[in-house]
Amino acid sequence: VVGHVQGIELMDNDVKVIALGEKWFGQAKDINDFVLFYTGYGLGVSVMTNDGLYRGSENYASEFGHTVIDPVNGPECSCGNKGCLQAYASGSALLRDLKHRYETEPSIYDIIKDSENDSEIYEIIKKQAWYIGIGAANIINVFNPSELIFNGYVTSFNDELKKIILDTIDTYCLKSMKPQLKIVFSKLDSEAVNKGAAALSVSNLYNSPSLFFGEDYDL
């Protein structure tokens, strides 16, 4: 994702940009400590702390979709490993499991819509909701956030599917993590990345005032 300040292009990982969008304009406006769980063609996680986004040494931190669930019998993941969480709980996993049902590749949202009147598709999505809940519980147990925000196609799940996710989290999340934990579904959805790109520009300007004032500014 690209933002712009004074004609300078600022690039960042899309899931991290979505987290900025939620922080500035969405469910985390008053939260300094949260985890974003994004479901798209892949699966992404961003961790926000008081010091900002946790990036790791090479900006690859929080590739939680590539934590391995079953390295022996699991399906192959796009990263080359077998049994990654992303191979169970992502749009690419849905497309893989349902390729026999479509002549051309559908959008993930079309699959979710079709599931309303198709029991086979719905059962596959229900199973994925369980895996999403497992992944989210593990994230909570590792990072102990005050808030977990779901963004992506999971926000279009019906109440039963969302309940499967929340019940699974409740089952596998450590009890000590629960008292102050808030779990929400994004209201920005796809708008989060656009708003996040704007936030990327402003936050970089704030952290690097020389972009605006010049290298020799003196306040």
N, C-alpha and C. Protein backbone atom coordinates (compact mmCIF):
# COMPACT_ATOMS: atom_id res chain seq x y z
N VAL A 1 0.85 -1.19 0.00
CA VAL A 1 0.00 0.00 0.00
C VAL A 1 0.88 1.23 0.00
N VAL A 2 0.49 2.24 -0.77
CA VAL A 2 1.31 3.44 -0.92
C VAL A 2 0.56 4.65 -0.37
N GLY A 3 1.27 5.46 0.45
CA GLY A 3 0.79 6.77 0.87
C GLY A 3 1.74 7.82 0.33
N HIS A 4 1.34 9.07 0.39
CA HIS A 4 2.18 10.14 -0.16
C HIS A 4 2.31 11.29 0.83
N VAL A 5 3.53 11.82 0.97
CA VAL A 5 3.80 13.03 1.73
C VAL A 5 4.75 13.88 0.91
N GLN A 6 4.34 15.10 0.58
CA GLN A 6 5.20 16.02 -0.16
C GLN A 6 5.77 15.37 -1.42
N GLY A 7 4.94 14.56 -2.10
CA GLY A 7 5.37 13.92 -3.33
C GLY A 7 6.21 12.68 -3.12
N ILE A 8 6.47 12.32 -1.85
CA ILE A 8 7.28 11.13 -1.54
C ILE A 8 6.36 9.94 -1.33
N GLU A 9 6.64 8.83 -1.99
CA GLU A 9 5.84 7.63 -1.82
C GLU A 9 6.28 6.89 -0.55
N LEU A 10 5.30 6.52 0.26
CA LEU A 10 5.55 5.75 1.48
C LEU A 10 4.85 4.41 1.32
N MET A 11 5.62 3.34 1.39
CA MET A 11 5.05 2.02 1.17
C MET A 11 5.06 1.21 2.46
N ASP A 12 4.00 0.39 2.62
CA ASP A 12 3.94 -0.46 3.81
C ASP A 12 3.09 -1.68 3.50
N ASN A 13 3.23 -2.69 4.33
CA ASN A 13 2.45 -3.91 4.26
C ASN A 13 0.96 -3.58 4.41
N ASP A 14 0.11 -4.22 3.60
CA ASP A 14 -1.31 -3.86 3.59
C ASP A 14 -1.99 -4.11 4.94
N VAL A 15 -1.64 -5.18 5.63
CA VAL A 15 -2.30 -5.48 6.91
C VAL A 15 -1.88 -4.48 7.98
N LYS A 16 -0.65 -4.03 7.93
CA LYS A 16 -0.20 -3.00 8.86
C LYS A 16 -0.91 -1.67 8.57
N VAL A 17 -1.14 -1.39 7.29
CA VAL A 17 -1.86 -0.17 6.92
C VAL A 17 -3.32 -0.25 7.39
N ILE A 18 -3.93 -1.43 7.28
CA ILE A 18 -5.30 -1.62 7.78
C ILE A 18 -5.35 -1.37 9.28
N ALA A 19 -4.33 -1.82 10.01
CA ALA A 19 -4.28 -1.58 11.45
C ALA A 19 -4.22 -0.09 11.74
N LEU A 20 -3.47 0.67 10.93
CA LEU A 20 -3.43 2.12 11.10
C LEU A 20 -4.80 2.73 10.83
N GLY A 21 -5.49 2.21 9.82
CA GLY A 21 -6.83 2.70 9.54
C GLY A 21 -7.78 2.48 10.70
N GLU A 22 -7.68 1.31 11.34
CA GLU A 22 -8.53 1.02 12.51
C GLU A 22 -8.13 1.91 13.69
N LYS A 23 -6.86 2.18 13.83
CA LYS A 23 -6.38 3.01 14.94
C LYS A 23 -6.85 4.46 14.79
N TRP A 24 -6.79 4.98 13.60
CA TRP A 24 -7.12 6.38 13.38
C TRP A 24 -8.62 6.62 13.17
N PHE A 25 -9.30 5.67 12.52
CA PHE A 25 -10.67 5.93 12.10
C PHE A 25 -11.68 4.85 12.50
N GLY A 26 -11.22 3.74 13.06
CA GLY A 26 -12.11 2.62 13.27
C GLY A 26 -12.29 2.19 14.71
N GLN A 27 -12.26 0.88 14.93
CA GLN A 27 -12.59 0.29 16.22
C GLN A 27 -11.54 0.51 17.29
N ALA A 28 -10.38 1.05 16.93
CA ALA A 28 -9.29 1.19 17.91
C ALA A 28 -8.91 2.65 18.16
N LYS A 29 -9.83 3.57 17.90
CA LYS A 29 -9.50 4.99 18.04
C LYS A 29 -9.02 5.36 19.44
N ASP A 30 -9.53 4.69 20.45
CA ASP A 30 -9.16 5.00 21.83
C ASP A 30 -8.33 3.89 22.46
N ILE A 31 -7.73 3.03 21.62
CA ILE A 31 -6.98 1.87 22.10
C ILE A 31 -5.53 1.97 21.66
N ASN A 32 -4.60 1.75 22.59
CA ASN A 32 -3.17 1.78 22.26
C ASN A 32 -2.55 0.40 22.14
N ASP A 33 -3.34 -0.62 22.44
CA ASP A 33 -2.79 -1.97 22.55
C ASP A 33 -3.80 -2.95 21.96
N PHE A 34 -3.64 -3.29 20.68
CA PHE A 34 -4.61 -4.17 20.05
C PHE A 34 -3.95 -5.04 18.98
N VAL A 35 -4.67 -6.08 18.59
CA VAL A 35 -4.24 -6.96 17.51
C VAL A 35 -5.30 -6.93 16.42
N LEU A 36 -4.87 -6.76 15.18
CA LEU A 36 -5.76 -6.84 14.03
C LEU A 36 -5.61 -8.21 13.38
N PHE A 37 -6.71 -8.88 13.16
CA PHE A 37 -6.75 -10.18 12.49
C PHE A 37 -7.47 -10.00 11.16
N TYR A 38 -6.73 -10.13 10.06
CA TYR A 38 -7.29 -9.86 8.74
C TYR A 38 -7.46 -11.15 7.95
N THR A 39 -8.66 -11.33 7.38
CA THR A 39 -8.92 -12.46 6.52
C THR A 39 -9.17 -11.96 5.10
N GLY A 40 -8.27 -12.32 4.20
CA GLY A 40 -8.42 -12.00 2.79
C GLY A 40 -8.03 -13.23 2.00
N TYR A 41 -7.44 -13.04 0.82
CA TYR A 41 -6.93 -14.20 0.08
C TYR A 41 -5.90 -14.93 0.94
N GLY A 42 -5.11 -14.16 1.68
CA GLY A 42 -4.23 -14.72 2.71
C GLY A 42 -4.76 -14.36 4.08
N LEU A 43 -3.97 -14.64 5.09
CA LEU A 43 -4.36 -14.32 6.46
C LEU A 43 -3.25 -13.45 7.06
N GLY A 44 -3.63 -12.33 7.65
CA GLY A 44 -2.62 -11.42 8.19
C GLY A 44 -2.95 -10.95 9.59
N VAL A 45 -1.91 -10.61 10.33
CA VAL A 45 -2.06 -10.10 11.69
C VAL A 45 -1.15 -8.89 11.85
N SER A 46 -1.64 -7.87 12.53
CA SER A 46 -0.81 -6.73 12.92
C SER A 46 -0.97 -6.49 14.41
N VAL A 47 0.14 -6.16 15.06
CA VAL A 47 0.14 -5.93 16.51
C VAL A 47 0.48 -4.47 16.77
N MET A 48 -0.40 -3.77 17.47
CA MET A 48 -0.18 -2.37 17.84
C MET A 48 0.09 -2.29 19.34
N THR A 49 1.16 -1.62 19.71
CA THR A 49 1.49 -1.38 21.11
C THR A 49 1.59 0.12 21.34
N ASN A 50 1.91 0.51 22.56
CA ASN A 50 2.05 1.93 22.87
C ASN A 50 3.11 2.60 22.01
N ASP A 51 4.08 1.84 21.54
CA ASP A 51 5.15 2.37 20.71
C ASP A 51 4.82 2.32 19.22
N GLY A 52 3.60 1.92 18.88
CA GLY A 52 3.20 1.83 17.48
C GLY A 52 3.14 0.40 17.00
N LEU A 53 3.18 0.22 15.70
CA LEU A 53 3.11 -1.12 15.12
C LEU A 53 4.38 -1.90 15.41
N TYR A 54 4.20 -3.14 15.84
CA TYR A 54 5.35 -4.01 16.03
C TYR A 54 5.75 -4.57 14.67
N ARG A 55 6.99 -4.31 14.24
CA ARG A 55 7.41 -4.63 12.88
C ARG A 55 8.46 -5.74 12.80
N GLY A 56 9.22 -5.96 13.86
CA GLY A 56 10.32 -6.90 13.77
C GLY A 56 11.50 -6.27 13.07
N SER A 57 12.60 -7.02 12.93
CA SER A 57 13.84 -6.44 12.41
C SER A 57 13.77 -6.12 10.93
N GLU A 58 12.94 -6.84 10.16
CA GLU A 58 12.86 -6.61 8.72
C GLU A 58 11.43 -6.28 8.27
N ASN A 59 10.60 -5.83 9.21
CA ASN A 59 9.20 -5.48 8.91
C ASN A 59 8.35 -6.70 8.54
N TYR A 60 8.78 -7.89 8.94
CA TYR A 60 8.02 -9.09 8.64
C TYR A 60 7.33 -9.68 9.88
N ALA A 61 7.29 -8.92 10.96
CA ALA A 61 6.71 -9.44 12.19
C ALA A 61 5.22 -9.77 12.00
N SER A 62 4.75 -10.71 12.80
CA SER A 62 3.33 -11.07 12.89
C SER A 62 2.81 -11.82 11.68
N GLU A 63 3.66 -12.58 11.00
CA GLU A 63 3.18 -13.45 9.92
C GLU A 63 2.52 -14.67 10.55
N PHE A 64 1.46 -14.41 11.28
CA PHE A 64 0.83 -15.45 12.08
C PHE A 64 0.13 -16.49 11.21
N GLY A 65 -0.22 -16.11 9.98
CA GLY A 65 -0.84 -17.07 9.08
C GLY A 65 0.07 -18.22 8.74
N HIS A 66 1.37 -18.04 8.98
CA HIS A 66 2.34 -19.08 8.64
C HIS A 66 2.85 -19.82 9.88
N THR A 67 2.11 -19.72 10.98
CA THR A 67 2.36 -20.64 12.08
C THR A 67 1.80 -22.00 11.67
N VAL A 68 2.52 -23.04 11.98
CA VAL A 68 2.21 -24.37 11.45
C VAL A 68 1.32 -25.15 12.41
N ILE A 69 0.24 -25.68 11.86
CA ILE A 69 -0.70 -26.50 12.64
C ILE A 69 -0.41 -27.98 12.46
N ASP A 70 -0.21 -28.40 11.21
CA ASP A 70 0.04 -29.81 10.92
C ASP A 70 1.08 -29.92 9.81
N PRO A 71 2.38 -30.03 10.16
CA PRO A 71 3.43 -30.07 9.15
C PRO A 71 3.52 -31.38 8.39
N VAL A 72 2.84 -32.41 8.87
CA VAL A 72 2.93 -33.73 8.24
C VAL A 72 1.79 -33.94 7.24
N ASN A 73 0.55 -33.74 7.70
CA ASN A 73 -0.61 -34.06 6.87
C ASN A 73 -1.36 -32.83 6.36
N GLY A 74 -0.90 -31.65 6.74
CA GLY A 74 -1.62 -30.44 6.36
C GLY A 74 -1.47 -30.11 4.89
N PRO A 75 -2.41 -29.29 4.35
CA PRO A 75 -2.31 -28.88 2.94
C PRO A 75 -1.13 -27.94 2.72
N GLU A 76 -0.66 -27.89 1.48
CA GLU A 76 0.47 -27.03 1.16
C GLU A 76 0.04 -25.57 1.19
N CYS A 77 0.90 -24.74 1.75
CA CYS A 77 0.65 -23.30 1.86
C CYS A 77 1.41 -22.58 0.75
N SER A 78 1.01 -21.35 0.47
CA SER A 78 1.68 -20.56 -0.56
C SER A 78 3.14 -20.28 -0.23
N CYS A 79 3.50 -20.38 1.06
CA CYS A 79 4.89 -20.12 1.47
C CYS A 79 5.80 -21.31 1.19
N GLY A 80 5.20 -22.46 0.84
CA GLY A 80 5.99 -23.66 0.57
C GLY A 80 5.95 -24.68 1.69
N ASN A 81 5.55 -24.26 2.89
CA ASN A 81 5.40 -25.20 3.99
C ASN A 81 4.07 -25.93 3.90
N LYS A 82 3.90 -26.92 4.76
CA LYS A 82 2.64 -27.65 4.83
C LYS A 82 1.97 -27.38 6.17
N GLY A 83 0.65 -27.24 6.13
CA GLY A 83 -0.12 -27.16 7.36
C GLY A 83 -0.13 -25.83 8.06
N CYS A 84 0.16 -24.73 7.34
CA CYS A 84 0.09 -23.40 7.97
C CYS A 84 -1.37 -23.04 8.28
N LEU A 85 -1.57 -22.19 9.27
CA LEU A 85 -2.91 -21.71 9.60
C LEU A 85 -3.59 -21.12 8.37
N GLN A 86 -2.84 -20.39 7.56
CA GLN A 86 -3.39 -19.76 6.36
C GLN A 86 -3.97 -20.80 5.39
N ALA A 87 -3.41 -22.00 5.40
CA ALA A 87 -3.89 -23.06 4.51
C ALA A 87 -5.23 -23.62 4.97
N TYR A 88 -5.67 -23.23 6.18
CA TYR A 88 -6.96 -23.66 6.72
C TYR A 88 -7.96 -22.51 6.83
N ALA A 89 -7.45 -21.30 7.06
CA ALA A 89 -8.33 -20.19 7.43
C ALA A 89 -8.04 -18.95 6.60
N SER A 90 -8.34 -19.00 5.31
CA SER A 90 -8.11 -17.86 4.42
C SER A 90 -8.97 -18.00 3.18
N GLY A 91 -9.02 -16.94 2.39
CA GLY A 91 -9.76 -17.00 1.14
C GLY A 91 -9.18 -18.03 0.19
N SER A 92 -7.86 -18.13 0.14
CA SER A 92 -7.24 -19.12 -0.75
C SER A 92 -7.61 -20.53 -0.33
N ALA A 93 -7.78 -20.77 0.97
CA ALA A 93 -8.20 -22.09 1.44
C ALA A 93 -9.63 -22.39 1.01
N LEU A 94 -10.51 -21.38 1.08
CA LEU A 94 -11.89 -21.58 0.61
C LEU A 94 -11.93 -21.90 -0.88
N LEU A 95 -11.15 -21.15 -1.66
CA LEU A 95 -11.13 -21.37 -3.10
C LEU A 95 -10.60 -22.77 -3.43
N ARG A 96 -9.60 -23.22 -2.68
CA ARG A 96 -9.05 -24.56 -2.88
C ARG A 96 -10.10 -25.63 -2.58
N ASP A 97 -10.78 -25.47 -1.45
CA ASP A 97 -11.73 -26.49 -1.02
C ASP A 97 -13.01 -26.51 -1.86
N LEU A 98 -13.27 -25.41 -2.57
CA LEU A 98 -14.52 -25.32 -3.32
C LEU A 98 -14.31 -25.20 -4.83
N LYS A 99 -13.10 -25.47 -5.29
CA LYS A 99 -12.82 -25.30 -6.72
C LYS A 99 -13.68 -26.23 -7.58
N HIS A 100 -14.11 -27.36 -7.00
CA HIS A 100 -14.95 -28.29 -7.75
C HIS A 100 -16.36 -27.78 -7.95
N ARG A 101 -16.71 -26.70 -7.25
CA ARG A 101 -18.07 -26.17 -7.32
C ARG A 101 -18.23 -25.02 -8.32
N TYR A 102 -17.12 -24.48 -8.81
CA TYR A 102 -17.20 -23.30 -9.67
C TYR A 102 -16.40 -23.51 -10.95
N GLU A 103 -16.96 -23.06 -12.07
CA GLU A 103 -16.26 -23.14 -13.34
C GLU A 103 -15.17 -22.08 -13.44
N THR A 104 -15.45 -20.90 -12.92
CA THR A 104 -14.46 -19.82 -12.85
C THR A 104 -14.29 -19.40 -11.40
N GLU A 105 -13.16 -18.80 -11.09
CA GLU A 105 -12.86 -18.46 -9.69
C GLU A 105 -13.79 -17.36 -9.20
N PRO A 106 -14.58 -17.61 -8.16
CA PRO A 106 -15.49 -16.60 -7.62
C PRO A 106 -14.77 -15.70 -6.63
N SER A 107 -15.41 -14.60 -6.26
CA SER A 107 -14.89 -13.80 -5.16
C SER A 107 -15.24 -14.48 -3.85
N ILE A 108 -14.50 -14.16 -2.80
CA ILE A 108 -14.79 -14.76 -1.49
C ILE A 108 -16.18 -14.35 -1.02
N TYR A 109 -16.56 -13.12 -1.31
CA TYR A 109 -17.87 -12.63 -0.88
C TYR A 109 -19.00 -13.36 -1.62
N ASP A 110 -18.76 -13.75 -2.88
CA ASP A 110 -19.75 -14.55 -3.60
C ASP A 110 -19.90 -15.92 -2.96
N ILE A 111 -18.79 -16.51 -2.53
CA ILE A 111 -18.84 -17.81 -1.85
C ILE A 111 -19.67 -17.71 -0.58
N ILE A 112 -19.43 -16.65 0.20
CA ILE A 112 -20.18 -16.48 1.45
C ILE A 112 -21.66 -16.29 1.16
N LYS A 113 -21.98 -15.53 0.12
CA LYS A 113 -23.38 -15.33 -0.26
C LYS A 113 -24.01 -16.64 -0.70
N ASP A 114 -23.27 -17.44 -1.50
CA ASP A 114 -23.79 -18.72 -1.97
C ASP A 114 -24.05 -19.68 -0.82
N SER A 115 -23.27 -19.54 0.26
CA SER A 115 -23.40 -20.46 1.39
C SER A 115 -24.75 -20.34 2.09
N GLU A 116 -25.45 -19.22 1.86
CA GLU A 116 -26.75 -19.02 2.50
C GLU A 116 -27.75 -20.07 2.07
N ASN A 117 -27.59 -20.60 0.84
CA ASN A 117 -28.53 -21.58 0.31
C ASN A 117 -27.86 -22.88 -0.12
N ASP A 118 -26.63 -23.11 0.37
CA ASP A 118 -25.89 -24.30 -0.03
C ASP A 118 -25.22 -24.91 1.19
N SER A 119 -25.70 -26.07 1.62
CA SER A 119 -25.23 -26.66 2.87
C SER A 119 -23.76 -27.10 2.79
N GLU A 120 -23.32 -27.57 1.62
CA GLU A 120 -21.92 -28.01 1.49
C GLU A 120 -20.97 -26.83 1.70
N ILE A 121 -21.25 -25.73 1.01
CA ILE A 121 -20.41 -24.54 1.15
C ILE A 121 -20.46 -24.02 2.58
N TYR A 122 -21.65 -24.03 3.15
CA TYR A 122 -21.81 -23.49 4.51
C TYR A 122 -21.01 -24.31 5.52
N GLU A 123 -21.01 -25.63 5.38
CA GLU A 123 -20.27 -26.48 6.31
C GLU A 123 -18.76 -26.23 6.21
N ILE A 124 -18.28 -25.98 5.01
CA ILE A 124 -16.85 -25.67 4.83
C ILE A 124 -16.51 -24.34 5.49
N ILE A 125 -17.39 -23.35 5.36
CA ILE A 125 -17.14 -22.06 6.00
C ILE A 125 -17.24 -22.18 7.52
N LYS A 126 -18.15 -23.00 8.01
CA LYS A 126 -18.25 -23.22 9.46
C LYS A 126 -16.96 -23.81 10.01
N LYS A 127 -16.39 -24.75 9.28
CA LYS A 127 -15.12 -25.34 9.72
C LYS A 127 -14.01 -24.29 9.71
N GLN A 128 -14.03 -23.43 8.69
CA GLN A 128 -13.04 -22.37 8.65
C GLN A 128 -13.21 -21.40 9.82
N ALA A 129 -14.46 -21.10 10.17
CA ALA A 129 -14.71 -20.22 11.31
C ALA A 129 -14.07 -20.78 12.58
N TRP A 130 -14.12 -22.10 12.73
CA TRP A 130 -13.49 -22.75 13.89
C TRP A 130 -11.98 -22.54 13.86
N TYR A 131 -11.36 -22.72 12.69
CA TYR A 131 -9.92 -22.51 12.58
C TYR A 131 -9.55 -21.05 12.84
N ILE A 132 -10.36 -20.13 12.37
CA ILE A 132 -10.11 -18.71 12.64
C ILE A 132 -10.15 -18.46 14.14
N GLY A 133 -11.11 -19.06 14.82
CA GLY A 133 -11.20 -18.92 16.27
C GLY A 133 -9.97 -19.49 16.98
N ILE A 134 -9.49 -20.64 16.50
CA ILE A 134 -8.28 -21.25 17.07
C ILE A 134 -7.10 -20.30 16.89
N GLY A 135 -6.93 -19.78 15.67
CA GLY A 135 -5.82 -18.86 15.42
C GLY A 135 -5.91 -17.61 16.28
N ALA A 136 -7.12 -17.06 16.41
CA ALA A 136 -7.30 -15.86 17.21
C ALA A 136 -7.01 -16.12 18.69
N ALA A 137 -7.42 -17.28 19.18
CA ALA A 137 -7.14 -17.63 20.58
C ALA A 137 -5.64 -17.72 20.82
N ASN A 138 -4.91 -18.30 19.88
CA ASN A 138 -3.46 -18.39 20.02
C ASN A 138 -2.81 -17.01 20.02
N ILE A 139 -3.31 -16.12 19.17
CA ILE A 139 -2.78 -14.75 19.13
C ILE A 139 -3.01 -14.06 20.46
N ILE A 140 -4.21 -14.21 21.00
CA ILE A 140 -4.53 -13.60 22.29
C ILE A 140 -3.61 -14.16 23.38
N ASN A 141 -3.40 -15.47 23.37
CA ASN A 141 -2.55 -16.09 24.39
C ASN A 141 -1.10 -15.64 24.30
N VAL A 142 -0.65 -15.26 23.11
CA VAL A 142 0.73 -14.79 22.92
C VAL A 142 0.88 -13.32 23.27
N PHE A 143 -0.07 -12.48 22.80
CA PHE A 143 0.11 -11.03 22.90
C PHE A 143 -0.69 -10.35 24.00
N ASN A 144 -1.71 -11.02 24.56
CA ASN A 144 -2.51 -10.44 25.64
C ASN A 144 -2.99 -9.02 25.30
N PRO A 145 -3.66 -8.84 24.14
CA PRO A 145 -4.11 -7.50 23.77
C PRO A 145 -5.34 -7.08 24.57
N SER A 146 -5.59 -5.78 24.63
CA SER A 146 -6.83 -5.31 25.25
C SER A 146 -7.99 -5.41 24.26
N GLU A 147 -7.65 -5.48 22.96
CA GLU A 147 -8.70 -5.58 21.95
C GLU A 147 -8.21 -6.40 20.76
N LEU A 148 -9.08 -7.23 20.22
CA LEU A 148 -8.81 -7.97 18.99
C LEU A 148 -9.84 -7.52 17.96
N ILE A 149 -9.36 -7.06 16.80
CA ILE A 149 -10.25 -6.56 15.75
C ILE A 149 -10.18 -7.50 14.55
N PHE A 150 -11.34 -7.98 14.11
CA PHE A 150 -11.41 -8.76 12.89
C PHE A 150 -11.74 -7.83 11.72
N ASN A 151 -10.96 -7.96 10.65
CA ASN A 151 -11.22 -7.20 9.43
C ASN A 151 -11.12 -8.16 8.25
N GLY A 152 -11.75 -7.83 7.14
CA GLY A 152 -11.73 -8.69 5.98
C GLY A 152 -13.07 -9.36 5.77
N TYR A 153 -13.10 -10.42 4.97
CA TYR A 153 -14.39 -11.03 4.63
C TYR A 153 -15.10 -11.65 5.82
N VAL A 154 -14.36 -11.90 6.90
CA VAL A 154 -15.00 -12.47 8.09
C VAL A 154 -16.06 -11.53 8.66
N THR A 155 -15.94 -10.24 8.37
CA THR A 155 -16.94 -9.28 8.88
C THR A 155 -18.30 -9.48 8.22
N SER A 156 -18.34 -10.18 7.08
CA SER A 156 -19.61 -10.43 6.40
C SER A 156 -20.24 -11.76 6.81
N PHE A 157 -19.60 -12.49 7.72
CA PHE A 157 -20.18 -13.72 8.24
C PHE A 157 -21.50 -13.42 8.95
N ASN A 158 -22.42 -14.37 8.92
CA ASN A 158 -23.66 -14.18 9.67
C ASN A 158 -23.41 -14.41 11.16
N ASP A 159 -24.43 -14.22 11.96
CA ASP A 159 -24.28 -14.28 13.42
C ASP A 159 -23.84 -15.66 13.90
N GLU A 160 -24.32 -16.72 13.24
CA GLU A 160 -23.93 -18.08 13.65
C GLU A 160 -22.44 -18.31 13.43
N LEU A 161 -21.93 -17.88 12.29
CA LEU A 161 -20.51 -18.07 11.99
C LEU A 161 -19.64 -17.23 12.93
N LYS A 162 -20.05 -16.00 13.20
CA LYS A 162 -19.30 -15.16 14.15
C LYS A 162 -19.32 -15.79 15.54
N LYS A 163 -20.45 -16.39 15.90
CA LYS A 163 -20.54 -17.02 17.22
C LYS A 163 -19.60 -18.22 17.31
N ILE A 164 -19.43 -18.96 16.22
CA ILE A 164 -18.48 -20.08 16.22
C ILE A 164 -17.08 -19.55 16.52
N ILE A 165 -16.72 -18.46 15.87
CA ILE A 165 -15.40 -17.85 16.11
C ILE A 165 -15.27 -17.44 17.58
N LEU A 166 -16.27 -16.72 18.09
CA LEU A 166 -16.19 -16.20 19.45
C LEU A 166 -16.22 -17.33 20.49
N ASP A 167 -17.04 -18.35 20.26
CA ASP A 167 -17.09 -19.48 21.19
C ASP A 167 -15.78 -20.26 21.20
N THR A 168 -15.16 -20.39 20.03
CA THR A 168 -13.88 -21.09 19.95
C THR A 168 -12.80 -20.31 20.68
N ILE A 169 -12.79 -19.00 20.50
CA ILE A 169 -11.84 -18.16 21.25
C ILE A 169 -12.06 -18.34 22.74
N ASP A 170 -13.31 -18.31 23.15
CA ASP A 170 -13.63 -18.43 24.58
C ASP A 170 -13.16 -19.78 25.14
N THR A 171 -13.22 -20.82 24.33
CA THR A 171 -12.81 -22.15 24.78
C THR A 171 -11.29 -22.26 24.94
N TYR A 172 -10.54 -21.70 24.00
CA TYR A 172 -9.10 -21.92 23.96
C TYR A 172 -8.26 -20.74 24.46
N CYS A 173 -8.88 -19.62 24.69
CA CYS A 173 -8.16 -18.48 25.25
C CYS A 173 -7.93 -18.69 26.74
N LEU A 174 -6.74 -18.36 27.20
CA LEU A 174 -6.45 -18.50 28.63
C LEU A 174 -7.39 -17.62 29.46
N LYS A 175 -7.87 -18.16 30.55
CA LYS A 175 -8.82 -17.41 31.38
C LYS A 175 -8.24 -16.09 31.87
N SER A 176 -6.94 -16.08 32.13
CA SER A 176 -6.32 -14.85 32.63
C SER A 176 -6.32 -13.74 31.60
N MET A 177 -6.54 -14.08 30.32
CA MET A 177 -6.54 -13.07 29.25
C MET A 177 -7.91 -12.42 29.06
N LYS A 178 -8.96 -13.03 29.60
CA LYS A 178 -10.32 -12.65 29.25
C LYS A 178 -10.88 -11.39 29.90
N PRO A 179 -10.57 -11.10 31.18
CA PRO A 179 -11.30 -10.03 31.87
C PRO A 179 -11.32 -8.69 31.15
N GLN A 180 -10.21 -8.27 30.56
CA GLN A 180 -10.17 -6.95 29.94
C GLN A 180 -10.13 -7.03 28.40
N LEU A 181 -10.37 -8.22 27.86
CA LEU A 181 -10.29 -8.41 26.42
C LEU A 181 -11.61 -8.03 25.75
N LYS A 182 -11.51 -7.24 24.68
CA LYS A 182 -12.66 -6.87 23.87
C LYS A 182 -12.43 -7.41 22.45
N ILE A 183 -13.44 -8.08 21.90
CA ILE A 183 -13.35 -8.63 20.55
C ILE A 183 -14.41 -7.95 19.69
N VAL A 184 -13.99 -7.35 18.58
CA VAL A 184 -14.92 -6.60 17.73
C VAL A 184 -14.68 -6.94 16.26
N PHE A 185 -15.70 -6.68 15.45
CA PHE A 185 -15.59 -6.84 14.00
C PHE A 185 -15.58 -5.45 13.38
N SER A 186 -14.67 -5.25 12.45
CA SER A 186 -14.49 -3.93 11.85
C SER A 186 -15.76 -3.43 11.17
N LYS A 187 -15.99 -2.13 11.29
CA LYS A 187 -17.07 -1.48 10.56
C LYS A 187 -16.53 -0.80 9.30
N LEU A 188 -15.21 -0.69 9.21
CA LEU A 188 -14.61 -0.06 8.03
C LEU A 188 -14.49 -1.03 6.87
N ASP A 189 -14.23 -2.30 7.18
CA ASP A 189 -14.02 -3.34 6.17
C ASP A 189 -12.98 -2.87 5.16
N SER A 190 -13.32 -2.86 3.86
CA SER A 190 -12.32 -2.53 2.85
C SER A 190 -11.87 -1.08 2.89
N GLU A 191 -12.67 -0.21 3.51
CA GLU A 191 -12.28 1.20 3.62
C GLU A 191 -11.08 1.39 4.54
N ALA A 192 -10.81 0.40 5.39
CA ALA A 192 -9.71 0.52 6.35
C ALA A 192 -8.38 0.72 5.65
N VAL A 193 -8.18 0.06 4.50
CA VAL A 193 -6.88 0.18 3.83
C VAL A 193 -6.72 1.57 3.22
N ASN A 194 -7.80 2.16 2.70
CA ASN A 194 -7.71 3.51 2.14
C ASN A 194 -7.46 4.54 3.23
N LYS A 195 -8.21 4.40 4.32
CA LYS A 195 -8.02 5.32 5.44
C LYS A 195 -6.65 5.10 6.08
N GLY A 196 -6.20 3.86 6.08
CA GLY A 196 -4.89 3.56 6.63
C GLY A 196 -3.77 4.17 5.81
N ALA A 197 -3.95 4.23 4.49
CA ALA A 197 -2.94 4.87 3.63
C ALA A 197 -2.82 6.35 3.97
N ALA A 198 -3.95 6.99 4.24
CA ALA A 198 -3.91 8.39 4.67
C ALA A 198 -3.22 8.52 6.02
N ALA A 199 -3.54 7.58 6.93
CA ALA A 199 -2.91 7.59 8.25
C ALA A 199 -1.41 7.35 8.14
N LEU A 200 -1.00 6.50 7.20
CA LEU A 200 0.42 6.22 6.97
C LEU A 200 1.15 7.51 6.61
N SER A 201 0.54 8.30 5.74
CA SER A 201 1.16 9.56 5.32
C SER A 201 1.28 10.53 6.49
N VAL A 202 0.18 10.69 7.24
CA VAL A 202 0.19 11.64 8.34
C VAL A 202 1.12 11.20 9.46
N SER A 203 1.10 9.89 9.77
CA SER A 203 1.95 9.40 10.86
C SER A 203 3.42 9.52 10.51
N ASN A 204 3.78 9.30 9.23
CA ASN A 204 5.17 9.47 8.82
C ASN A 204 5.58 10.93 8.86
N LEU A 205 4.66 11.83 8.53
CA LEU A 205 4.95 13.25 8.62
C LEU A 205 5.17 13.66 10.07
N TYR A 206 4.33 13.11 10.96
CA TYR A 206 4.45 13.43 12.39
C TYR A 206 5.77 12.92 12.95
N ASN A 207 6.16 11.71 12.54
CA ASN A 207 7.39 11.12 13.06
C ASN A 207 8.63 11.66 12.36
N SER A 208 8.46 12.23 11.16
CA SER A 208 9.59 12.76 10.39
C SER A 208 9.25 14.16 9.88
N PRO A 209 9.21 15.15 10.74
CA PRO A 209 8.80 16.50 10.33
C PRO A 209 9.67 17.09 9.24
N SER A 210 10.90 16.59 9.04
CA SER A 210 11.76 17.12 7.99
C SER A 210 11.17 16.90 6.61
N LEU A 211 10.23 15.91 6.49
CA LEU A 211 9.57 15.70 5.21
C LEU A 211 8.77 16.93 4.80
N PHE A 212 8.27 17.65 5.80
CA PHE A 212 7.45 18.83 5.53
C PHE A 212 8.27 20.11 5.62
N PHE A 213 9.05 20.23 6.70
CA PHE A 213 9.74 21.48 6.97
C PHE A 213 11.11 21.57 6.27
N GLY A 214 11.64 20.43 5.84
CA GLY A 214 12.98 20.42 5.29
C GLY A 214 13.98 19.97 6.32
N GLU A 215 15.15 19.60 5.89
CA GLU A 215 16.18 19.04 6.78
C GLU A 215 16.70 20.06 7.78
N ASP A 216 16.61 21.37 7.48
CA ASP A 216 17.22 22.39 8.33
C ASP A 216 16.20 23.13 9.19
N TYR A 217 15.01 22.48 9.40
CA TYR A 217 13.99 23.19 10.17
C TYR A 217 14.47 23.38 11.61
N ASP A 218 13.99 24.47 12.24
CA ASP A 218 14.35 24.78 13.63
C ASP A 218 13.13 25.41 14.29
N LEU A 219 12.53 24.72 15.26
CA LEU A 219 11.35 25.26 15.95
C LEU A 219 11.75 25.90 17.26
